[in-house]
């Protein structure tokens, strides 16, 4: 069974193979990428998949093995990642790939963009030329609004690995660099354990989790959030009693002091006087808040209030989905590490 990291790396390989933002116009492209990362030996091993051309003396011919370009890149990623044992090596490769990306090709429909940004006084013939006139903040906004679908999926796949891209304006150019969040390796190992744990509880839980990741990578914010909500209610339903709702399962899983004395967990949410005021039920409230946010921005995102005849709906963005996804993962990792689901199942 593939780990989440391998799934994300497979997605990265897929968009690279489309050759939209990383052009492979000669055999030197991947030789340079792998050599600069310190992996010339991998170029020698997989070059037949990475080179678009073969040479017979002075004659250049198409390389038939290049149709399996994806196989070569995926094999290199998996070999370097080595099931989490060589994350630094993988980062060196990703940095080297990013250095080869031409900022001209990360935007969608360049001709229309040139027409849009050109004025009667100034006409631009390259994206790089136009970006020189912008501040760093405006560059980031411009690229975010105009990046291609492949490049969006590339960035979203990196975020699944807790990585991101940073656009930096230098004196005469605009550079793309890889940014690593703190604790990446440890967090990724926890997420892989989470995926296996969900699968052991119920294979459908893992499918919903992977569906959330797939939706996020594809840029579908509401579908990502909806999958998170389904995962939360489904998981806590494992701990509920017959003929009760999922929230009773959340109450049983929570380890808050005296929560077993609460007959109706909604008394906690509604701050009812029936819930003892001395206890704060912090864990219960935190996990319920993740569900509440996922409901409001997911399944119920079209159910905003109506004021003076006008509907007020939330504008759900992909960064909202990223927040809900991370909060859901954190809540589920807590449940996994507490082993409360297993304890409850063993006593029932």
C-alpha atoms as a PDB file:
ATOM      1  CA  UNK A   1       0.000   0.000   0.000  1.00  0.00           C
ATOM      2  CA  UNK A   2       1.490   3.334  -1.037  1.00  0.00           C
ATOM      3  CA  UNK A   3       2.252   5.943   1.611  1.00  0.00           C
ATOM      4  CA  UNK A   4       0.812   9.453   1.349  1.00  0.00           C
ATOM      5  CA  UNK A   5       4.280  10.726   0.441  1.00  0.00           C
ATOM      6  CA  UNK A   6       4.476   8.321  -2.503  1.00  0.00           C
ATOM      7  CA  UNK A   7       1.027   9.399  -3.676  1.00  0.00           C
ATOM      8  CA  UNK A   8       2.086  13.070  -3.546  1.00  0.00           C
ATOM      9  CA  UNK A   9       5.343  12.274  -5.354  1.00  0.00           C
ATOM     10  CA  UNK A  10       3.422  10.377  -8.022  1.00  0.00           C
ATOM     11  CA  UNK A  11       1.254  13.482  -8.550  1.00  0.00           C
ATOM     12  CA  UNK A  12       4.377  15.646  -8.838  1.00  0.00           C
ATOM     13  CA  UNK A  13       5.815  13.219 -11.402  1.00  0.00           C
ATOM     14  CA  UNK A  14       2.546  13.328 -13.364  1.00  0.00           C
ATOM     15  CA  UNK A  15       2.496  17.120 -13.756  1.00  0.00           C
ATOM     16  CA  UNK A  16       6.224  17.223 -14.576  1.00  0.00           C
ATOM     17  CA  UNK A  17       5.631  14.687 -17.369  1.00  0.00           C
ATOM     18  CA  UNK A  18       3.100  17.062 -18.939  1.00  0.00           C
ATOM     19  CA  UNK A  19       6.130  19.271 -19.755  1.00  0.00           C
ATOM     20  CA  UNK A  20       4.126  22.469 -19.367  1.00  0.00           C
ATOM     21  CA  UNK A  21       6.348  24.297 -16.859  1.00  0.00           C
ATOM     22  CA  UNK A  22       9.472  22.109 -17.027  1.00  0.00           C
ATOM     23  CA  UNK A  23      10.487  21.902 -20.668  1.00  0.00           C
ATOM     24  CA  UNK A  24      12.689  19.016 -21.809  1.00  0.00           C
ATOM     25  CA  UNK A  25      14.138  20.310 -25.050  1.00  0.00           C
ATOM     26  CA  UNK A  26      17.450  18.436 -24.865  1.00  0.00           C
ATOM     27  CA  UNK A  27      19.173  15.509 -23.166  1.00  0.00           C
ATOM     28  CA  UNK A  28      21.058  17.903 -20.914  1.00  0.00           C
ATOM     29  CA  UNK A  29      18.002  18.963 -18.875  1.00  0.00           C
ATOM     30  CA  UNK A  30      17.825  15.973 -16.525  1.00  0.00           C
ATOM     31  CA  UNK A  31      21.561  15.396 -16.619  1.00  0.00           C
ATOM     32  CA  UNK A  32      21.914  18.922 -15.200  1.00  0.00           C
ATOM     33  CA  UNK A  33      19.076  18.503 -12.650  1.00  0.00           C
ATOM     34  CA  UNK A  34      20.411  15.246 -11.215  1.00  0.00           C
ATOM     35  CA  UNK A  35      24.085  16.239 -11.360  1.00  0.00           C
ATOM     36  CA  UNK A  36      23.403  19.525  -9.559  1.00  0.00           C
ATOM     37  CA  UNK A  37      21.577  17.594  -6.825  1.00  0.00           C
ATOM     38  CA  UNK A  38      24.541  15.206  -6.486  1.00  0.00           C
ATOM     39  CA  UNK A  39      22.876  12.235  -8.196  1.00  0.00           C
ATOM     40  CA  UNK A  40      24.709  11.806 -11.493  1.00  0.00           C
ATOM     41  CA  UNK A  41      24.576   8.044 -10.903  1.00  0.00           C
ATOM     42  CA  UNK A  42      20.762   8.160 -11.105  1.00  0.00           C
ATOM     43  CA  UNK A  43      20.983   9.985 -14.418  1.00  0.00           C
ATOM     44  CA  UNK A  44      23.193   7.224 -15.768  1.00  0.00           C
ATOM     45  CA  UNK A  45      20.739   4.569 -14.537  1.00  0.00           C
ATOM     46  CA  UNK A  46      17.517   6.198 -15.795  1.00  0.00           C
ATOM     47  CA  UNK A  47      18.718   8.339 -18.712  1.00  0.00           C
ATOM     48  CA  UNK A  48      16.916   6.180 -21.288  1.00  0.00           C
ATOM     49  CA  UNK A  49      13.591   7.419 -19.797  1.00  0.00           C
ATOM     50  CA  UNK A  50      14.715  11.029 -19.355  1.00  0.00           C
ATOM     51  CA  UNK A  51      16.310  11.853 -22.710  1.00  0.00           C
ATOM     52  CA  UNK A  52      14.025  12.941 -25.559  1.00  0.00           C
ATOM     53  CA  UNK A  53      16.638  12.080 -28.215  1.00  0.00           C
ATOM     54  CA  UNK A  54      19.135   9.397 -29.188  1.00  0.00           C
ATOM     55  CA  UNK A  55      22.095   9.971 -31.474  1.00  0.00           C
ATOM     56  CA  UNK A  56      23.601   7.846 -34.191  1.00  0.00           C
ATOM     57  CA  UNK A  57      26.734   9.728 -35.088  1.00  0.00           C
ATOM     58  CA  UNK A  58      25.586  13.181 -36.226  1.00  0.00           C
ATOM     59  CA  UNK A  59      21.967  12.062 -36.634  1.00  0.00           C
ATOM     60  CA  UNK A  60      19.339  12.910 -34.019  1.00  0.00           C
ATOM     61  CA  UNK A  61      16.325  10.638 -33.585  1.00  0.00           C
ATOM     62  CA  UNK A  62      13.398  10.526 -31.164  1.00  0.00           C
ATOM     63  CA  UNK A  63      13.981   8.252 -28.193  1.00  0.00           C
ATOM     64  CA  UNK A  64      11.185   5.645 -28.017  1.00  0.00           C
ATOM     65  CA  UNK A  65      11.809   5.102 -24.294  1.00  0.00           C
ATOM     66  CA  UNK A  66      10.935   8.759 -23.626  1.00  0.00           C
ATOM     67  CA  UNK A  67       7.259   7.777 -23.827  1.00  0.00           C
ATOM     68  CA  UNK A  68       7.897   6.204 -20.401  1.00  0.00           C
ATOM     69  CA  UNK A  69       9.225   9.495 -18.999  1.00  0.00           C
ATOM     70  CA  UNK A  70       6.852   9.152 -16.024  1.00  0.00           C
ATOM     71  CA  UNK A  71       8.323   5.777 -15.043  1.00  0.00           C
ATOM     72  CA  UNK A  72      11.820   7.250 -14.875  1.00  0.00           C
ATOM     73  CA  UNK A  73      10.846  10.225 -12.709  1.00  0.00           C
ATOM     74  CA  UNK A  74       8.670   8.161 -10.350  1.00  0.00           C
ATOM     75  CA  UNK A  75      11.420   5.566  -9.907  1.00  0.00           C
ATOM     76  CA  UNK A  76      13.942   8.305  -9.080  1.00  0.00           C
ATOM     77  CA  UNK A  77      11.585   9.913  -6.550  1.00  0.00           C
ATOM     78  CA  UNK A  78      10.866   6.602  -4.822  1.00  0.00           C
ATOM     79  CA  UNK A  79      14.521   5.580  -4.781  1.00  0.00           C
ATOM     80  CA  UNK A  80      15.585   8.881  -3.246  1.00  0.00           C
ATOM     81  CA  UNK A  81      12.741   9.049  -0.751  1.00  0.00           C
ATOM     82  CA  UNK A  82      13.543   5.478   0.349  1.00  0.00           C
ATOM     83  CA  UNK A  83      10.398   5.102   2.473  1.00  0.00           C
ATOM     84  CA  UNK A  84      11.235   8.213   4.495  1.00  0.00           C
ATOM     85  CA  UNK A  85      14.883   7.348   5.127  1.00  0.00           C
ATOM     86  CA  UNK A  86      16.328   9.953   2.762  1.00  0.00           C
ATOM     87  CA  UNK A  87      14.085  13.016   2.914  1.00  0.00           C
ATOM     88  CA  UNK A  88      17.084  15.346   2.618  1.00  0.00           C
ATOM     89  CA  UNK A  89      18.108  13.667  -0.636  1.00  0.00           C
ATOM     90  CA  UNK A  90      14.614  14.138  -2.028  1.00  0.00           C
ATOM     91  CA  UNK A  91      14.664  17.819  -1.020  1.00  0.00           C
ATOM     92  CA  UNK A  92      17.983  18.319  -2.873  1.00  0.00           C
ATOM     93  CA  UNK A  93      16.362  16.901  -6.013  1.00  0.00           C
ATOM     94  CA  UNK A  94      13.188  18.986  -5.693  1.00  0.00           C
ATOM     95  CA  UNK A  95      15.286  22.135  -5.241  1.00  0.00           C
ATOM     96  CA  UNK A  96      17.279  21.283  -8.351  1.00  0.00           C
ATOM     97  CA  UNK A  97      14.066  20.707 -10.348  1.00  0.00           C
ATOM     98  CA  UNK A  98      12.625  24.028  -9.201  1.00  0.00           C
ATOM     99  CA  UNK A  99      15.783  25.868 -10.231  1.00  0.00           C
ATOM    100  CA  UNK A 100      15.159  24.593 -13.788  1.00  0.00           C
ATOM    101  CA  UNK A 101      11.584  25.872 -13.970  1.00  0.00           C
ATOM    102  CA  UNK A 102      11.265  28.814 -16.319  1.00  0.00           C
ATOM    103  CA  UNK A 103       8.890  31.356 -14.821  1.00  0.00           C
ATOM    104  CA  UNK A 104       7.620  32.089 -18.357  1.00  0.00           C
ATOM    105  CA  UNK A 105       5.881  28.737 -18.453  1.00  0.00           C
ATOM    106  CA  UNK A 106       4.111  28.614 -15.087  1.00  0.00           C
ATOM    107  CA  UNK A 107       1.358  30.948 -16.317  1.00  0.00           C
ATOM    108  CA  UNK A 108      -1.734  30.001 -18.280  1.00  0.00           C
ATOM    109  CA  UNK A 109      -2.452  31.514 -21.725  1.00  0.00           C
ATOM    110  CA  UNK A 110       0.601  33.789 -21.994  1.00  0.00           C
ATOM    111  CA  UNK A 111      -0.610  35.594 -25.123  1.00  0.00           C
ATOM    112  CA  UNK A 112      -3.799  36.768 -23.405  1.00  0.00           C
ATOM    113  CA  UNK A 113      -1.780  37.906 -20.393  1.00  0.00           C
ATOM    114  CA  UNK A 114       0.578  39.949 -22.575  1.00  0.00           C
ATOM    115  CA  UNK A 115      -2.438  41.597 -24.180  1.00  0.00           C
ATOM    116  CA  UNK A 116      -3.951  42.317 -20.759  1.00  0.00           C
ATOM    117  CA  UNK A 117      -0.848  43.833 -19.141  1.00  0.00           C
ATOM    118  CA  UNK A 118       0.466  45.754 -22.135  1.00  0.00           C
ATOM    119  CA  UNK A 119      -0.512  49.417 -22.382  1.00  0.00           C
ATOM    120  CA  UNK A 120      -0.266  52.084 -25.053  1.00  0.00           C
ATOM    121  CA  UNK A 121       3.023  53.209 -23.484  1.00  0.00           C
ATOM    122  CA  UNK A 122       4.491  49.816 -22.626  1.00  0.00           C
ATOM    123  CA  UNK A 123       4.335  46.495 -24.463  1.00  0.00           C
ATOM    124  CA  UNK A 124       5.742  43.334 -22.879  1.00  0.00           C
ATOM    125  CA  UNK A 125       7.104  40.328 -24.721  1.00  0.00           C
ATOM    126  CA  UNK A 126       7.977  38.101 -21.747  1.00  0.00           C
ATOM    127  CA  UNK A 127       6.519  37.396 -18.322  1.00  0.00           C
ATOM    128  CA  UNK A 128       9.932  38.011 -16.759  1.00  0.00           C
ATOM    129  CA  UNK A 129      10.069  41.465 -18.323  1.00  0.00           C
ATOM    130  CA  UNK A 130       6.654  42.363 -16.913  1.00  0.00           C
ATOM    131  CA  UNK A 131       7.455  41.009 -13.438  1.00  0.00           C
ATOM    132  CA  UNK A 132      10.440  43.362 -13.182  1.00  0.00           C
ATOM    133  CA  UNK A 133       7.974  46.254 -12.995  1.00  0.00           C
ATOM    134  CA  UNK A 134       6.103  44.780  -9.999  1.00  0.00           C
ATOM    135  CA  UNK A 135       6.782  44.631  -6.288  1.00  0.00           C
ATOM    136  CA  UNK A 136       7.430  41.210  -4.734  1.00  0.00           C
ATOM    137  CA  UNK A 137       3.929  41.154  -3.245  1.00  0.00           C
ATOM    138  CA  UNK A 138       2.343  42.034  -6.613  1.00  0.00           C
ATOM    139  CA  UNK A 139       4.452  39.351  -8.319  1.00  0.00           C
ATOM    140  CA  UNK A 140       3.062  36.716  -5.953  1.00  0.00           C
ATOM    141  CA  UNK A 141      -0.507  37.927  -6.515  1.00  0.00           C
ATOM    142  CA  UNK A 142      -0.056  37.976 -10.300  1.00  0.00           C
ATOM    143  CA  UNK A 143       1.410  34.464 -10.434  1.00  0.00           C
ATOM    144  CA  UNK A 144      -1.220  33.059  -8.073  1.00  0.00           C
ATOM    145  CA  UNK A 145      -4.015  34.440 -10.247  1.00  0.00           C
ATOM    146  CA  UNK A 146      -2.498  33.331 -13.555  1.00  0.00           C
ATOM    147  CA  UNK A 147      -0.611  30.089 -12.866  1.00  0.00           C
ATOM    148  CA  UNK A 148      -1.415  27.039 -14.968  1.00  0.00           C
ATOM    149  CA  UNK A 149      -3.414  24.086 -13.667  1.00  0.00           C
ATOM    150  CA  UNK A 150      -0.315  21.861 -13.790  1.00  0.00           C
ATOM    151  CA  UNK A 151       1.681  24.329 -11.708  1.00  0.00           C
ATOM    152  CA  UNK A 152      -1.166  24.651  -9.179  1.00  0.00           C
ATOM    153  CA  UNK A 153      -1.232  20.875  -8.755  1.00  0.00           C
ATOM    154  CA  UNK A 154       2.564  20.882  -8.406  1.00  0.00           C
ATOM    155  CA  UNK A 155       2.347  23.420  -5.554  1.00  0.00           C
ATOM    156  CA  UNK A 156      -0.573  21.643  -3.866  1.00  0.00           C
ATOM    157  CA  UNK A 157       1.288  18.321  -4.002  1.00  0.00           C
ATOM    158  CA  UNK A 158       4.308  19.964  -2.370  1.00  0.00           C
ATOM    159  CA  UNK A 159       2.035  21.245   0.408  1.00  0.00           C
ATOM    160  CA  UNK A 160       0.894  17.692   1.121  1.00  0.00           C
ATOM    161  CA  UNK A 161       4.606  17.058   1.859  1.00  0.00           C
ATOM    162  CA  UNK A 162       4.664  20.202   4.055  1.00  0.00           C
ATOM    163  CA  UNK A 163       6.702  22.047   1.446  1.00  0.00           C
ATOM    164  CA  UNK A 164       5.916  25.238  -0.432  1.00  0.00           C
ATOM    165  CA  UNK A 165       7.352  27.534  -3.065  1.00  0.00           C
ATOM    166  CA  UNK A 166       8.586  31.043  -2.422  1.00  0.00           C
ATOM    167  CA  UNK A 167       8.778  33.695  -5.133  1.00  0.00           C
ATOM    168  CA  UNK A 168      11.689  36.066  -4.532  1.00  0.00           C
ATOM    169  CA  UNK A 169      12.399  39.230  -6.501  1.00  0.00           C
ATOM    170  CA  UNK A 170      16.112  39.798  -7.093  1.00  0.00           C
ATOM    171  CA  UNK A 171      17.834  42.712  -8.794  1.00  0.00           C
ATOM    172  CA  UNK A 172      17.445  41.512 -12.386  1.00  0.00           C
ATOM    173  CA  UNK A 173      15.201  38.469 -12.129  1.00  0.00           C
ATOM    174  CA  UNK A 174      12.454  36.645 -10.260  1.00  0.00           C
ATOM    175  CA  UNK A 175      13.439  33.346  -8.624  1.00  0.00           C
ATOM    176  CA  UNK A 176      11.411  30.381  -7.369  1.00  0.00           C
ATOM    177  CA  UNK A 177      12.769  28.570  -4.312  1.00  0.00           C
ATOM    178  CA  UNK A 178      11.650  25.638  -2.169  1.00  0.00           C
ATOM    179  CA  UNK A 179      10.522  26.345   1.370  1.00  0.00           C
ATOM    180  CA  UNK A 180      10.394  23.634   4.016  1.00  0.00           C
ATOM    181  CA  UNK A 181       8.120  23.916   7.044  1.00  0.00           C
ATOM    182  CA  UNK A 182       9.520  23.040  10.461  1.00  0.00           C
ATOM    183  CA  UNK A 183       9.147  19.442  11.574  1.00  0.00           C
ATOM    184  CA  UNK A 184       8.434  18.137   8.068  1.00  0.00           C
ATOM    185  CA  UNK A 185       9.968  14.680   8.490  1.00  0.00           C
ATOM    186  CA  UNK A 186       8.316  13.962  11.838  1.00  0.00           C
ATOM    187  CA  UNK A 187       4.933  15.229  10.676  1.00  0.00           C
ATOM    188  CA  UNK A 188       5.022  13.189   7.462  1.00  0.00           C
ATOM    189  CA  UNK A 189       5.806  10.006   9.402  1.00  0.00           C
ATOM    190  CA  UNK A 190       2.808  10.699  11.660  1.00  0.00           C
ATOM    191  CA  UNK A 191       0.554  11.214   8.637  1.00  0.00           C
ATOM    192  CA  UNK A 192       1.694   7.921   7.098  1.00  0.00           C
ATOM    193  CA  UNK A 193       0.935   6.124  10.373  1.00  0.00           C
ATOM    194  CA  UNK A 194      -2.447   7.885  10.399  1.00  0.00           C
ATOM    195  CA  UNK A 195      -3.277   6.565   6.934  1.00  0.00           C
ATOM    196  CA  UNK A 196      -2.399   2.985   7.921  1.00  0.00           C
ATOM    197  CA  UNK A 197      -4.379   3.296  11.161  1.00  0.00           C
ATOM    198  CA  UNK A 198      -7.479   4.540   9.311  1.00  0.00           C
ATOM    199  CA  UNK A 199      -7.161   1.640   6.896  1.00  0.00           C
ATOM    200  CA  UNK A 200      -7.005  -0.835   9.776  1.00  0.00           C
ATOM    201  CA  UNK A 201     -10.143   0.640  11.335  1.00  0.00           C
ATOM    202  CA  UNK A 202     -12.019   0.679   8.044  1.00  0.00           C
ATOM    203  CA  UNK A 203     -10.537   0.806   4.493  1.00  0.00           C
ATOM    204  CA  UNK A 204     -13.268   3.310   3.573  1.00  0.00           C
ATOM    205  CA  UNK A 205     -11.787   5.785   6.077  1.00  0.00           C
ATOM    206  CA  UNK A 206      -8.453   5.704   4.276  1.00  0.00           C
ATOM    207  CA  UNK A 207     -10.244   6.165   0.939  1.00  0.00           C
ATOM    208  CA  UNK A 208     -12.028   9.267   2.247  1.00  0.00           C
ATOM    209  CA  UNK A 209      -8.724  10.640   3.602  1.00  0.00           C
ATOM    210  CA  UNK A 210      -6.995  10.081   0.263  1.00  0.00           C
ATOM    211  CA  UNK A 211     -10.020  11.610  -1.462  1.00  0.00           C
ATOM    212  CA  UNK A 212      -9.532  14.740   0.655  1.00  0.00           C
ATOM    213  CA  UNK A 213      -5.880  14.911  -0.420  1.00  0.00           C
ATOM    214  CA  UNK A 214      -6.774  14.322  -4.083  1.00  0.00           C
ATOM    215  CA  UNK A 215      -9.400  17.065  -3.952  1.00  0.00           C
ATOM    216  CA  UNK A 216      -6.917  19.449  -2.347  1.00  0.00           C
ATOM    217  CA  UNK A 217      -4.231  18.758  -4.960  1.00  0.00           C
ATOM    218  CA  UNK A 218      -6.830  19.328  -7.709  1.00  0.00           C
ATOM    219  CA  UNK A 219      -7.758  22.674  -6.145  1.00  0.00           C
ATOM    220  CA  UNK A 220     -11.306  21.682  -5.127  1.00  0.00           C
ATOM    221  CA  UNK A 221     -11.697  23.426  -1.768  1.00  0.00           C
ATOM    222  CA  UNK A 222     -15.301  22.521  -0.860  1.00  0.00           C
ATOM    223  CA  UNK A 223     -14.871  18.846  -1.818  1.00  0.00           C
ATOM    224  CA  UNK A 224     -11.722  18.693   0.355  1.00  0.00           C
ATOM    225  CA  UNK A 225     -13.567  20.139   3.344  1.00  0.00           C
ATOM    226  CA  UNK A 226     -16.594  17.877   2.815  1.00  0.00           C
ATOM    227  CA  UNK A 227     -14.338  14.805   2.829  1.00  0.00           C
ATOM    228  CA  UNK A 228     -12.809  16.006   6.114  1.00  0.00           C
ATOM    229  CA  UNK A 229     -16.271  16.369   7.676  1.00  0.00           C
ATOM    230  CA  UNK A 230     -17.264  12.871   6.533  1.00  0.00           C
ATOM    231  CA  UNK A 231     -14.068  11.457   7.996  1.00  0.00           C
ATOM    232  CA  UNK A 232     -14.662  13.119  11.377  1.00  0.00           C
ATOM    233  CA  UNK A 233     -18.282  11.946  11.737  1.00  0.00           C
ATOM    234  CA  UNK A 234     -17.461   8.485  10.410  1.00  0.00           C
ATOM    235  CA  UNK A 235     -14.541   7.953  12.776  1.00  0.00           C
ATOM    236  CA  UNK A 236     -16.361   9.038  15.935  1.00  0.00           C
ATOM    237  CA  UNK A 237     -19.389   6.967  14.927  1.00  0.00           C
ATOM    238  CA  UNK A 238     -17.221   3.902  15.653  1.00  0.00           C
ATOM    239  CA  UNK A 239     -17.312   4.830  19.353  1.00  0.00           C
ATOM    240  CA  UNK A 240     -21.028   5.664  19.682  1.00  0.00           C
ATOM    241  CA  UNK A 241     -23.680   3.403  21.178  1.00  0.00           C
ATOM    242  CA  UNK A 242     -26.569   1.916  19.225  1.00  0.00           C
ATOM    243  CA  UNK A 243     -29.258   4.399  18.127  1.00  0.00           C
ATOM    244  CA  UNK A 244     -27.133   7.452  18.980  1.00  0.00           C
ATOM    245  CA  UNK A 245     -25.367  10.046  16.849  1.00  0.00           C
ATOM    246  CA  UNK A 246     -21.666  10.488  16.095  1.00  0.00           C
ATOM    247  CA  UNK A 247     -21.325  13.255  18.705  1.00  0.00           C
ATOM    248  CA  UNK A 248     -21.883  10.664  21.445  1.00  0.00           C
ATOM    249  CA  UNK A 249     -18.880   8.831  20.067  1.00  0.00           C
ATOM    250  CA  UNK A 250     -16.841  12.043  20.292  1.00  0.00           C
ATOM    251  CA  UNK A 251     -17.897  12.381  23.937  1.00  0.00           C
ATOM    252  CA  UNK A 252     -16.742   8.822  24.677  1.00  0.00           C
ATOM    253  CA  UNK A 253     -13.415   9.315  22.891  1.00  0.00           C
ATOM    254  CA  UNK A 254     -12.658  12.611  24.652  1.00  0.00           C
ATOM    255  CA  UNK A 255     -10.538  12.332  27.798  1.00  0.00           C
ATOM    256  CA  UNK A 256     -11.781  15.556  29.385  1.00  0.00           C
ATOM    257  CA  UNK A 257     -12.352  15.427  33.145  1.00  0.00           C
ATOM    258  CA  UNK A 258     -15.899  14.396  34.161  1.00  0.00           C
ATOM    259  CA  UNK A 259     -17.168  14.331  30.566  1.00  0.00           C
ATOM    260  CA  UNK A 260     -18.725  10.933  31.265  1.00  0.00           C
ATOM    261  CA  UNK A 261     -21.182  12.777  33.548  1.00  0.00           C
ATOM    262  CA  UNK A 262     -22.598  14.733  30.609  1.00  0.00           C
ATOM    263  CA  UNK A 263     -25.799  13.149  29.298  1.00  0.00           C
ATOM    264  CA  UNK A 264     -26.222  15.393  26.255  1.00  0.00           C
ATOM    265  CA  UNK A 265     -22.902  16.576  24.734  1.00  0.00           C
ATOM    266  CA  UNK A 266     -24.700  19.470  23.052  1.00  0.00           C
ATOM    267  CA  UNK A 267     -24.986  21.015  26.516  1.00  0.00           C
ATOM    268  CA  UNK A 268     -21.215  21.589  26.269  1.00  0.00           C
ATOM    269  CA  UNK A 269     -21.504  23.230  22.862  1.00  0.00           C
ATOM    270  CA  UNK A 270     -24.440  25.400  23.936  1.00  0.00           C
ATOM    271  CA  UNK A 271     -22.754  26.239  27.249  1.00  0.00           C
ATOM    272  CA  UNK A 272     -25.802  24.951  29.111  1.00  0.00           C
ATOM    273  CA  UNK A 273     -25.993  25.218  32.881  1.00  0.00           C
ATOM    274  CA  UNK A 274     -26.523  21.436  32.800  1.00  0.00           C
ATOM    275  CA  UNK A 275     -22.810  21.073  32.021  1.00  0.00           C
ATOM    276  CA  UNK A 276     -20.677  21.539  35.172  1.00  0.00           C
ATOM    277  CA  UNK A 277     -19.008  24.949  34.831  1.00  0.00           C
ATOM    278  CA  UNK A 278     -15.873  23.880  36.656  1.00  0.00           C
ATOM    279  CA  UNK A 279     -14.862  21.640  33.723  1.00  0.00           C
ATOM    280  CA  UNK A 280     -13.934  23.167  30.393  1.00  0.00           C
ATOM    281  CA  UNK A 281     -14.055  20.038  28.158  1.00  0.00           C
ATOM    282  CA  UNK A 282     -11.232  21.512  26.067  1.00  0.00           C
ATOM    283  CA  UNK A 283     -10.504  18.451  23.936  1.00  0.00           C
ATOM    284  CA  UNK A 284     -14.174  17.869  23.119  1.00  0.00           C
ATOM    285  CA  UNK A 285     -14.661  21.506  22.117  1.00  0.00           C
ATOM    286  CA  UNK A 286     -11.508  21.564  19.975  1.00  0.00           C
ATOM    287  CA  UNK A 287     -12.521  18.498  17.961  1.00  0.00           C
ATOM    288  CA  UNK A 288     -16.114  19.636  17.642  1.00  0.00           C
ATOM    289  CA  UNK A 289     -14.885  23.013  16.346  1.00  0.00           C
ATOM    290  CA  UNK A 290     -13.070  21.222  13.500  1.00  0.00           C
ATOM    291  CA  UNK A 291     -16.322  19.458  12.587  1.00  0.00           C
ATOM    292  CA  UNK A 292     -18.266  22.731  12.831  1.00  0.00           C
ATOM    293  CA  UNK A 293     -15.847  24.557  10.532  1.00  0.00           C
ATOM    294  CA  UNK A 294     -15.867  21.656   8.052  1.00  0.00           C
ATOM    295  CA  UNK A 295     -19.681  21.673   8.027  1.00  0.00           C
ATOM    296  CA  UNK A 296     -20.026  25.434   7.547  1.00  0.00           C
ATOM    297  CA  UNK A 297     -17.427  25.653   4.757  1.00  0.00           C
ATOM    298  CA  UNK A 298     -18.191  22.264   3.182  1.00  0.00           C
ATOM    299  CA  UNK A 299     -21.623  20.652   2.980  1.00  0.00           C
ATOM    300  CA  UNK A 300     -23.429  23.781   4.219  1.00  0.00           C
ATOM    301  CA  UNK A 301     -21.417  26.432   2.364  1.00  0.00           C
ATOM    302  CA  UNK A 302     -24.522  27.413   0.351  1.00  0.00           C
ATOM    303  CA  UNK A 303     -26.677  27.882   3.469  1.00  0.00           C
ATOM    304  CA  UNK A 304     -25.634  31.376   4.538  1.00  0.00           C
ATOM    305  CA  UNK A 305     -27.949  33.839   6.286  1.00  0.00           C
ATOM    306  CA  UNK A 306     -30.475  35.911   4.350  1.00  0.00           C
ATOM    307  CA  UNK A 307     -30.554  39.594   5.298  1.00  0.00           C
ATOM    308  CA  UNK A 308     -32.919  42.071   3.633  1.00  0.00           C
ATOM    309  CA  UNK A 309     -33.501  39.614   0.806  1.00  0.00           C
ATOM    310  CA  UNK A 310     -29.792  39.039   0.081  1.00  0.00           C
ATOM    311  CA  UNK A 311     -27.922  35.790   0.741  1.00  0.00           C
ATOM    312  CA  UNK A 312     -24.568  36.062   2.516  1.00  0.00           C
ATOM    313  CA  UNK A 313     -22.488  33.042   1.591  1.00  0.00           C
ATOM    314  CA  UNK A 314     -18.925  32.219   2.618  1.00  0.00           C
ATOM    315  CA  UNK A 315     -16.310  32.532  -0.124  1.00  0.00           C
ATOM    316  CA  UNK A 316     -14.400  29.283   0.420  1.00  0.00           C
ATOM    317  CA  UNK A 317     -10.759  29.379  -0.701  1.00  0.00           C
ATOM    318  CA  UNK A 318      -8.170  26.646  -1.105  1.00  0.00           C
ATOM    319  CA  UNK A 319      -6.240  27.974   1.887  1.00  0.00           C
ATOM    320  CA  UNK A 320      -9.421  27.398   3.940  1.00  0.00           C
ATOM    321  CA  UNK A 321      -9.372  23.784   2.748  1.00  0.00           C
ATOM    322  CA  UNK A 322      -5.695  23.524   3.705  1.00  0.00           C
ATOM    323  CA  UNK A 323      -6.520  24.743   7.216  1.00  0.00           C
ATOM    324  CA  UNK A 324      -9.420  22.287   7.653  1.00  0.00           C
ATOM    325  CA  UNK A 325      -7.323  19.421   6.253  1.00  0.00           C
ATOM    326  CA  UNK A 326      -4.459  20.097   8.678  1.00  0.00           C
ATOM    327  CA  UNK A 327      -6.833  20.546  11.637  1.00  0.00           C
ATOM    328  CA  UNK A 328      -8.575  17.274  10.760  1.00  0.00           C
ATOM    329  CA  UNK A 329      -5.239  15.448  10.529  1.00  0.00           C
ATOM    330  CA  UNK A 330      -4.146  16.840  13.890  1.00  0.00           C
ATOM    331  CA  UNK A 331      -7.419  15.801  15.555  1.00  0.00           C
ATOM    332  CA  UNK A 332      -7.229  12.296  14.090  1.00  0.00           C
ATOM    333  CA  UNK A 333      -3.572  11.892  15.065  1.00  0.00           C
ATOM    334  CA  UNK A 334      -4.611  12.728  18.646  1.00  0.00           C
ATOM    335  CA  UNK A 335      -7.316  10.033  18.517  1.00  0.00           C
ATOM    336  CA  UNK A 336      -4.837   7.544  17.037  1.00  0.00           C
ATOM    337  CA  UNK A 337      -2.201   8.207  19.693  1.00  0.00           C
ATOM    338  CA  UNK A 338      -4.720   8.133  22.565  1.00  0.00           C
ATOM    339  CA  UNK A 339      -5.924   4.674  21.398  1.00  0.00           C
ATOM    340  CA  UNK A 340      -9.383   5.586  22.716  1.00  0.00           C
ATOM    341  CA  UNK A 341     -11.191   3.981  19.742  1.00  0.00           C
ATOM    342  CA  UNK A 342      -9.447   0.672  20.405  1.00  0.00           C
ATOM    343  CA  UNK A 343     -10.152   0.864  24.147  1.00  0.00           C
ATOM    344  CA  UNK A 344     -13.853   1.541  23.569  1.00  0.00           C
ATOM    345  CA  UNK A 345     -14.178  -1.264  20.990  1.00  0.00           C
ATOM    346  CA  UNK A 346     -12.523  -3.718  23.404  1.00  0.00           C
ATOM    347  CA  UNK A 347     -14.924  -2.865  26.237  1.00  0.00           C
ATOM    348  CA  UNK A 348     -18.126  -2.923  24.163  1.00  0.00           C
END
